[in-house]
């Protein structure tokens, strides 16, 4: 293999593929990156035996070939190279790679490409298309609500439903639920109903960054693999088996009290209260309306811990109904507030023991349900 490219392009490609490199593993080869030079580009592939990420780096291929190299060593080396051209040349018998840049030269011992785990290919797939920023927004609005422990593996995933030109994504951990409703760029070729590990969707959102591309979603007819493809990146993820909760039944359809507030003011007041809630199970109290003894049009956010102290903030609110007293986990609230882009949000509820529903005002793209916490008022 003999390949030449710019250091910046190689660095960017390694950063993307490196997200799939295995950490602790009993199979050392999964800590390598597979380099394949062909058809005028260098393909970089990494896998931890669950997720597979491939990306292509443009350059000049003078001699085709492939080799696997230790990912961390290669990434660290390329990071320290001077800006400009980088040449990659395999040594005799393709067991190592010489890296040349300006007046620097390094040789890395590698492993034959045949020892790298087989890379899955998706053929005869069900295909849908969505904008990269559209799916990134969807992931950012729901993935944080997925469970982080493996007590119920299905809850560590995000449910993705695609039918015609509609996509719905949902995540829940038993205490909160996030649902996103969006549109595809064109109607899907068939119905897709899968559960994908949330941690891998978060990686996808990070890889997308600010890119404005068309993302192609492919699912095998056997529904055992799903692939996201855009620009020069392919990401193949596993699917989780199991029955996901019926999220539509978890969203209350009626409420007795509703208030609208400015999102930034609500974030600031909640963040301040959360400082005092850290040693008190993260409990933040909301009080508003006549039933809470407050004047109409005001929302009070407070927290108190005997060992620390207390905090109380007041913001303007548009209140429908008699008002209420509710307590929530401040971390759950801040996760939702960070995901919403609308300048105003609505909080809907029935009573202090019923879940609260948070929605962006003027948009029906998302809904977040948070279970209340029981406190002594």
Protein backbone atom coordinates (compact mmCIF):
# COMPACT_ATOMS: atom_id res chain seq x y z
CA UNK A 1 0.00 0.00 0.00
CA UNK A 2 1.19 3.49 -0.86
CA UNK A 3 -1.17 6.36 -0.09
CA UNK A 4 -0.71 10.13 0.20
CA UNK A 5 -3.11 12.65 1.72
CA UNK A 6 -3.29 15.79 3.83
CA UNK A 7 -2.65 15.40 7.56
CA UNK A 8 -5.90 17.21 8.42
CA UNK A 9 -8.04 14.83 6.36
CA UNK A 10 -6.34 11.75 7.81
CA UNK A 11 -6.69 13.13 11.32
CA UNK A 12 -10.42 13.75 10.84
CA UNK A 13 -10.97 10.26 9.45
CA UNK A 14 -9.15 8.59 12.32
CA UNK A 15 -11.18 10.60 14.83
CA UNK A 16 -14.40 9.25 13.31
CA UNK A 17 -13.35 5.61 12.96
CA UNK A 18 -11.69 5.69 16.38
CA UNK A 19 -15.10 6.02 18.06
CA UNK A 20 -15.75 2.34 17.33
CA UNK A 21 -12.41 1.04 18.62
CA UNK A 22 -12.83 -1.38 21.51
CA UNK A 23 -11.63 -0.34 24.96
CA UNK A 24 -11.06 -3.25 27.26
CA UNK A 25 -11.40 -6.42 25.25
CA UNK A 26 -10.34 -10.05 25.15
CA UNK A 27 -9.82 -9.73 21.38
CA UNK A 28 -6.82 -7.41 20.86
CA UNK A 29 -7.42 -7.03 17.12
CA UNK A 30 -10.52 -4.92 17.88
CA UNK A 31 -8.17 -2.25 19.26
CA UNK A 32 -6.84 -1.83 15.72
CA UNK A 33 -8.06 0.20 12.75
CA UNK A 34 -8.24 -1.43 9.34
CA UNK A 35 -6.69 0.67 6.56
CA UNK A 36 -7.69 -0.21 2.98
CA UNK A 37 -6.31 1.83 0.09
CA UNK A 38 -8.36 1.38 -3.08
CA UNK A 39 -10.05 3.36 -5.85
CA UNK A 40 -8.27 6.60 -5.02
CA UNK A 41 -9.28 6.67 -1.34
CA UNK A 42 -8.24 5.26 2.01
CA UNK A 43 -10.96 3.43 3.91
CA UNK A 44 -10.66 3.41 7.71
CA UNK A 45 -12.72 0.83 9.61
CA UNK A 46 -13.03 0.03 13.30
CA UNK A 47 -15.31 -2.23 15.32
CA UNK A 48 -15.85 -3.32 18.91
CA UNK A 49 -17.81 -6.34 17.62
CA UNK A 50 -21.09 -4.47 18.11
CA UNK A 51 -20.80 -1.20 16.24
CA UNK A 52 -18.85 -0.78 12.99
CA UNK A 53 -17.74 2.62 11.70
CA UNK A 54 -16.14 3.12 8.29
CA UNK A 55 -15.02 6.40 6.76
CA UNK A 56 -13.13 7.35 3.63
CA UNK A 57 -10.20 9.76 3.27
CA UNK A 58 -9.49 11.30 -0.11
CA UNK A 59 -5.94 11.28 -1.47
CA UNK A 60 -3.68 9.59 -3.99
CA UNK A 61 -3.37 5.81 -4.15
CA UNK A 62 -0.17 4.73 -5.88
CA UNK A 63 -0.42 1.15 -4.69
CA UNK A 64 -3.47 -0.59 -3.30
CA UNK A 65 -3.34 -2.65 -0.14
CA UNK A 66 -4.69 -3.10 3.37
CA UNK A 67 -3.36 -3.51 6.88
CA UNK A 68 -4.53 -3.14 10.50
CA UNK A 69 -2.67 -0.94 12.97
CA UNK A 70 -3.04 -0.18 16.70
CA UNK A 71 -5.62 2.60 16.76
CA UNK A 72 -4.34 4.63 19.72
CA UNK A 73 -0.75 4.64 18.49
CA UNK A 74 -1.73 5.67 14.97
CA UNK A 75 -4.12 8.42 16.16
CA UNK A 76 -1.54 9.85 18.59
CA UNK A 77 1.16 9.82 15.90
CA UNK A 78 -0.92 11.56 13.25
CA UNK A 79 -2.06 14.16 15.80
CA UNK A 80 1.56 15.21 16.37
CA UNK A 81 2.60 15.37 12.69
CA UNK A 82 3.15 18.80 11.11
CA UNK A 83 0.49 20.16 8.78
CA UNK A 84 0.85 19.16 5.17
CA UNK A 85 1.22 15.95 3.21
CA UNK A 86 1.41 12.51 4.85
CA UNK A 87 2.59 9.39 3.04
CA UNK A 88 1.63 5.90 4.21
CA UNK A 89 3.69 3.00 2.83
CA UNK A 90 3.50 -0.62 3.92
CA UNK A 91 6.76 -2.37 4.74
CA UNK A 92 7.83 -5.71 3.33
CA UNK A 93 5.26 -8.50 3.67
CA UNK A 94 2.63 -5.91 4.70
CA UNK A 95 3.34 -6.37 8.40
CA UNK A 96 4.07 -2.72 9.16
CA UNK A 97 3.43 0.82 7.96
CA UNK A 98 5.91 3.64 7.40
CA UNK A 99 4.48 7.11 7.99
CA UNK A 100 6.36 10.02 6.40
CA UNK A 101 5.63 13.70 6.87
CA UNK A 102 8.07 16.58 6.20
CA UNK A 103 11.33 15.52 7.88
CA UNK A 104 9.70 12.92 10.13
CA UNK A 105 9.42 9.19 9.58
CA UNK A 106 7.89 6.50 11.80
CA UNK A 107 7.25 2.79 11.38
CA UNK A 108 4.34 1.05 13.12
CA UNK A 109 4.09 -2.72 13.38
CA UNK A 110 0.69 -3.97 12.29
CA UNK A 111 -1.34 -7.11 11.74
CA UNK A 112 -2.47 -8.75 8.53
CA UNK A 113 -5.89 -7.53 7.38
CA UNK A 114 -7.22 -11.09 7.23
CA UNK A 115 -7.18 -11.23 11.04
CA UNK A 116 -9.59 -8.29 11.34
CA UNK A 117 -13.20 -9.24 12.21
CA UNK A 118 -15.50 -9.61 9.19
CA UNK A 119 -17.26 -6.37 8.28
CA UNK A 120 -21.04 -6.83 7.78
CA UNK A 121 -22.63 -5.69 4.55
CA UNK A 122 -26.26 -4.69 4.21
CA UNK A 123 -27.93 -5.80 1.01
CA UNK A 124 -31.57 -5.76 -0.13
CA UNK A 125 -32.24 -3.30 2.67
CA UNK A 126 -35.25 -1.25 3.67
CA UNK A 127 -34.20 2.34 3.07
CA UNK A 128 -35.30 5.71 4.41
CA UNK A 129 -33.74 9.18 4.12
CA UNK A 130 -33.61 12.02 6.63
CA UNK A 131 -31.56 15.18 6.97
CA UNK A 132 -28.46 14.87 9.15
CA UNK A 133 -29.53 17.76 11.37
CA UNK A 134 -33.02 16.26 11.61
CA UNK A 135 -31.81 12.96 13.00
CA UNK A 136 -29.24 14.70 15.21
CA UNK A 137 -32.04 16.81 16.71
CA UNK A 138 -34.17 13.70 17.25
CA UNK A 139 -31.32 11.88 19.01
CA UNK A 140 -30.52 14.86 21.22
CA UNK A 141 -34.16 15.15 22.31
CA UNK A 142 -34.68 11.54 23.38
CA UNK A 143 -31.44 9.55 23.85
CA UNK A 144 -30.68 11.05 27.29
CA UNK A 145 -33.90 9.49 28.62
CA UNK A 146 -32.67 5.94 27.97
CA UNK A 147 -31.56 3.81 30.92
CA UNK A 148 -27.84 3.51 31.63
CA UNK A 149 -27.92 0.21 33.55
CA UNK A 150 -28.55 -3.23 32.12
CA UNK A 151 -31.31 -4.35 34.50
CA UNK A 152 -33.73 -4.02 31.58
CA UNK A 153 -31.55 -4.04 28.46
CA UNK A 154 -34.38 -2.93 26.17
CA UNK A 155 -34.60 0.38 28.07
CA UNK A 156 -30.96 1.19 27.22
CA UNK A 157 -32.12 1.62 23.63
CA UNK A 158 -34.08 4.09 21.55
CA UNK A 159 -37.13 2.84 19.70
CA UNK A 160 -37.21 4.01 16.07
CA UNK A 161 -40.44 3.73 14.09
CA UNK A 162 -40.53 4.70 10.42
CA UNK A 163 -43.63 4.52 8.26
CA UNK A 164 -44.15 6.35 4.98
CA UNK A 165 -42.64 9.83 5.52
CA UNK A 166 -42.80 9.86 9.34
CA UNK A 167 -40.17 8.97 11.93
CA UNK A 168 -40.83 8.57 15.66
CA UNK A 169 -38.07 8.05 18.23
CA UNK A 170 -38.70 7.24 21.88
CA UNK A 171 -36.60 6.47 24.96
CA UNK A 172 -37.55 5.73 28.57
CA UNK A 173 -35.84 4.58 31.75
CA UNK A 174 -38.87 3.99 33.99
CA UNK A 175 -38.79 7.50 35.49
CA UNK A 176 -38.97 9.63 32.35
CA UNK A 177 -39.89 9.40 28.70
CA UNK A 178 -38.82 11.37 25.66
CA UNK A 179 -40.62 11.16 22.30
CA UNK A 180 -39.75 12.89 19.02
CA UNK A 181 -42.01 13.14 15.97
CA UNK A 182 -40.37 14.08 12.68
CA UNK A 183 -40.53 13.87 8.91
CA UNK A 184 -38.34 12.03 6.40
CA UNK A 185 -37.04 13.61 3.21
CA UNK A 186 -39.00 11.02 1.25
CA UNK A 187 -41.28 8.11 2.01
CA UNK A 188 -39.53 4.96 3.24
CA UNK A 189 -39.57 1.83 1.11
CA UNK A 190 -41.16 -0.15 3.97
CA UNK A 191 -42.02 0.02 7.68
CA UNK A 192 -39.08 0.08 10.12
CA UNK A 193 -39.61 -0.73 13.80
CA UNK A 194 -36.35 -1.32 15.70
CA UNK A 195 -34.58 -0.60 19.00
CA UNK A 196 -31.03 0.76 18.79
CA UNK A 197 -28.62 1.20 21.74
CA UNK A 198 -28.80 4.84 22.81
CA UNK A 199 -25.04 5.11 23.31
CA UNK A 200 -24.42 4.40 19.64
CA UNK A 201 -27.00 6.93 18.49
CA UNK A 202 -25.21 9.50 20.65
CA UNK A 203 -21.99 8.64 18.82
CA UNK A 204 -23.81 9.18 15.53
CA UNK A 205 -24.94 12.64 16.66
CA UNK A 206 -21.36 13.54 17.58
CA UNK A 207 -20.03 12.36 14.22
CA UNK A 208 -22.67 14.37 12.34
CA UNK A 209 -21.66 17.58 14.09
CA UNK A 210 -22.52 20.54 11.87
CA UNK A 211 -22.71 18.54 8.66
CA UNK A 212 -25.74 19.16 6.50
CA UNK A 213 -26.10 15.91 4.57
CA UNK A 214 -28.70 13.34 3.64
CA UNK A 215 -28.58 10.36 6.00
CA UNK A 216 -29.65 7.04 4.51
CA UNK A 217 -31.09 4.56 7.01
CA UNK A 218 -30.85 0.93 5.90
CA UNK A 219 -32.23 -2.12 7.67
CA UNK A 220 -31.75 -5.70 6.59
CA UNK A 221 -34.91 -7.68 5.78
CA UNK A 222 -34.06 -9.90 8.79
CA UNK A 223 -34.17 -6.75 11.01
CA UNK A 224 -30.88 -7.68 12.71
CA UNK A 225 -28.67 -4.81 11.52
CA UNK A 226 -29.18 -1.13 10.87
CA UNK A 227 -26.84 1.21 9.01
CA UNK A 228 -26.59 4.99 8.83
CA UNK A 229 -24.80 6.26 5.74
CA UNK A 230 -23.95 9.86 4.90
CA UNK A 231 -21.15 11.74 3.19
CA UNK A 232 -18.04 9.54 3.63
CA UNK A 233 -19.26 7.71 6.74
CA UNK A 234 -21.02 4.39 7.31
CA UNK A 235 -22.10 3.31 10.79
CA UNK A 236 -23.61 -0.13 11.39
CA UNK A 237 -25.21 -0.84 14.75
CA UNK A 238 -26.75 -3.86 16.44
CA UNK A 239 -30.40 -4.01 17.46
CA UNK A 240 -31.82 -4.80 20.85
CA UNK A 241 -34.38 -7.53 21.20
CA UNK A 242 -37.33 -7.24 23.53
CA UNK A 243 -40.62 -5.43 23.93
CA UNK A 244 -40.38 -1.66 24.33
CA UNK A 245 -43.00 0.00 26.56
CA UNK A 246 -46.05 1.38 24.78
CA UNK A 247 -44.88 5.00 24.98
CA UNK A 248 -48.09 6.46 23.57
CA UNK A 249 -50.00 5.18 26.62
CA UNK A 250 -47.46 6.80 28.96
CA UNK A 251 -48.19 10.32 27.71
CA UNK A 252 -51.22 11.78 29.52
CA UNK A 253 -53.80 13.05 27.05
CA UNK A 254 -55.61 15.28 29.56
CA UNK A 255 -54.51 17.78 32.19
CA UNK A 256 -56.15 20.03 34.76
CA UNK A 257 -53.35 22.58 34.96
CA UNK A 258 -51.07 24.02 32.32
CA UNK A 259 -48.48 26.74 32.49
CA UNK A 260 -46.25 28.41 29.91
CA UNK A 261 -42.93 29.98 30.85
CA UNK A 262 -39.81 31.42 29.25
CA UNK A 263 -37.34 28.56 28.81
CA UNK A 264 -34.20 30.53 29.71
CA UNK A 265 -35.76 31.88 32.89
CA UNK A 266 -36.94 28.39 33.84
CA UNK A 267 -33.48 26.93 33.17
CA UNK A 268 -31.79 29.57 35.30
CA UNK A 269 -34.17 29.17 38.23
CA UNK A 270 -34.01 25.37 38.10
CA UNK A 271 -30.21 25.33 37.82
CA UNK A 272 -29.90 27.61 40.85
CA UNK A 273 -32.28 25.46 42.88
CA UNK A 274 -30.45 22.29 41.83
CA UNK A 275 -27.33 23.55 43.63
CA UNK A 276 -29.23 23.22 46.91
CA UNK A 277 -30.94 20.00 45.82
CA UNK A 278 -27.77 17.94 45.31
CA UNK A 279 -27.75 16.68 48.90
CA UNK A 280 -31.52 16.26 48.96
CA UNK A 281 -32.14 13.60 46.29
CA UNK A 282 -32.10 16.33 43.60
CA UNK A 283 -35.62 17.37 44.57
CA UNK A 284 -36.82 20.67 43.13
CA UNK A 285 -40.30 21.99 44.02
CA UNK A 286 -42.63 23.81 41.64
CA UNK A 287 -45.52 25.86 43.03
CA UNK A 288 -47.92 27.97 41.04
CA UNK A 289 -51.53 29.16 40.89
CA UNK A 290 -54.13 29.89 43.55
CA UNK A 291 -54.08 26.41 45.11
CA UNK A 292 -50.44 26.93 46.05
CA UNK A 293 -51.18 30.25 47.72
CA UNK A 294 -49.30 32.23 45.09
CA UNK A 295 -50.64 35.08 42.96
CA UNK A 296 -51.78 34.16 39.48
CA UNK A 297 -49.10 34.42 36.83
CA UNK A 298 -46.16 33.33 39.00
CA UNK A 299 -44.13 30.12 39.24
CA UNK A 300 -41.92 29.46 42.23
CA UNK A 301 -38.99 27.03 41.94
CA UNK A 302 -37.37 26.04 45.22
CA UNK A 303 -35.13 23.51 46.90
CA UNK A 304 -33.99 22.94 50.44
CA UNK A 305 -31.67 20.65 52.35
CA UNK A 306 -31.28 20.97 56.10
CA UNK A 307 -27.51 20.54 56.03
CA UNK A 308 -26.99 22.98 53.14
CA UNK A 309 -29.72 25.61 53.09
CA UNK A 310 -32.50 26.61 50.77
CA UNK A 311 -33.16 28.53 47.56
CA UNK A 312 -36.28 30.09 46.09
CA UNK A 313 -36.81 31.73 42.73
CA UNK A 314 -39.85 33.24 41.07
CA UNK A 315 -40.59 33.69 37.35
CA UNK A 316 -43.56 34.87 35.33
CA UNK A 317 -45.92 32.20 33.99
CA UNK A 318 -49.16 31.93 32.07
CA UNK A 319 -51.30 29.56 34.12
CA UNK A 320 -54.42 27.69 33.05
CA UNK A 321 -56.32 25.95 35.84
CA UNK A 322 -56.14 26.22 39.62
CA UNK A 323 -52.43 25.63 39.99
CA UNK A 324 -50.53 22.89 41.76
CA UNK A 325 -47.54 21.84 43.84
CA UNK A 326 -45.16 19.42 42.15
CA UNK A 327 -41.70 18.05 42.89
CA UNK A 328 -39.30 16.71 40.24
CA UNK A 329 -35.76 15.42 39.90
CA UNK A 330 -33.74 18.51 38.92
CA UNK A 331 -31.37 16.53 36.70
CA UNK A 332 -34.26 15.17 34.66
CA UNK A 333 -35.64 18.68 34.25
CA UNK A 334 -32.31 20.13 33.12
CA UNK A 335 -31.85 17.34 30.57
CA UNK A 336 -35.20 18.23 29.00
CA UNK A 337 -34.60 21.98 29.08
CA UNK A 338 -31.23 21.53 27.35
CA UNK A 339 -32.84 19.52 24.56
CA UNK A 340 -35.62 21.98 23.73
CA UNK A 341 -34.89 24.80 21.28
CA UNK A 342 -38.23 26.63 21.55
CA UNK A 343 -38.05 29.92 23.55
CA UNK A 344 -41.09 28.94 25.64
CA UNK A 345 -42.18 25.63 27.15
CA UNK A 346 -45.43 24.31 28.55
CA UNK A 347 -45.83 22.10 31.62
CA UNK A 348 -49.01 20.06 31.84
CA UNK A 349 -50.16 18.07 34.88
CA UNK A 350 -53.15 16.70 36.76
CA UNK A 351 -52.03 16.55 40.41
CA UNK A 352 -48.90 16.16 42.53
CA UNK A 353 -48.88 12.38 42.12
CA UNK A 354 -49.31 12.33 38.33
CA UNK A 355 -46.53 12.70 35.76
CA UNK A 356 -45.74 16.10 34.30
CA UNK A 357 -45.56 16.61 30.54
CA UNK A 358 -43.17 19.18 29.10
CA UNK A 359 -43.69 20.39 25.53
CA UNK A 360 -42.14 23.15 23.44
CA UNK A 361 -44.70 25.90 22.81
CA UNK A 362 -45.59 26.23 19.14
CA UNK A 363 -44.20 22.84 18.13
CA UNK A 364 -45.55 19.31 18.23
CA UNK A 365 -42.20 17.65 17.49
CA UNK A 366 -41.51 16.43 21.01
CA UNK A 367 -43.01 15.52 24.36
CA UNK A 368 -41.22 14.68 27.60
CA UNK A 369 -42.86 12.94 30.54
CA UNK A 370 -41.28 13.07 34.01
CA UNK A 371 -42.55 11.16 37.03
CA UNK A 372 -43.04 13.31 40.16
CA UNK A 373 -41.19 12.89 43.45
CA UNK A 374 -43.14 12.62 46.68
CA UNK A 375 -42.21 15.17 49.33
CA UNK A 376 -43.56 16.71 52.49
CA UNK A 377 -44.84 20.19 51.77
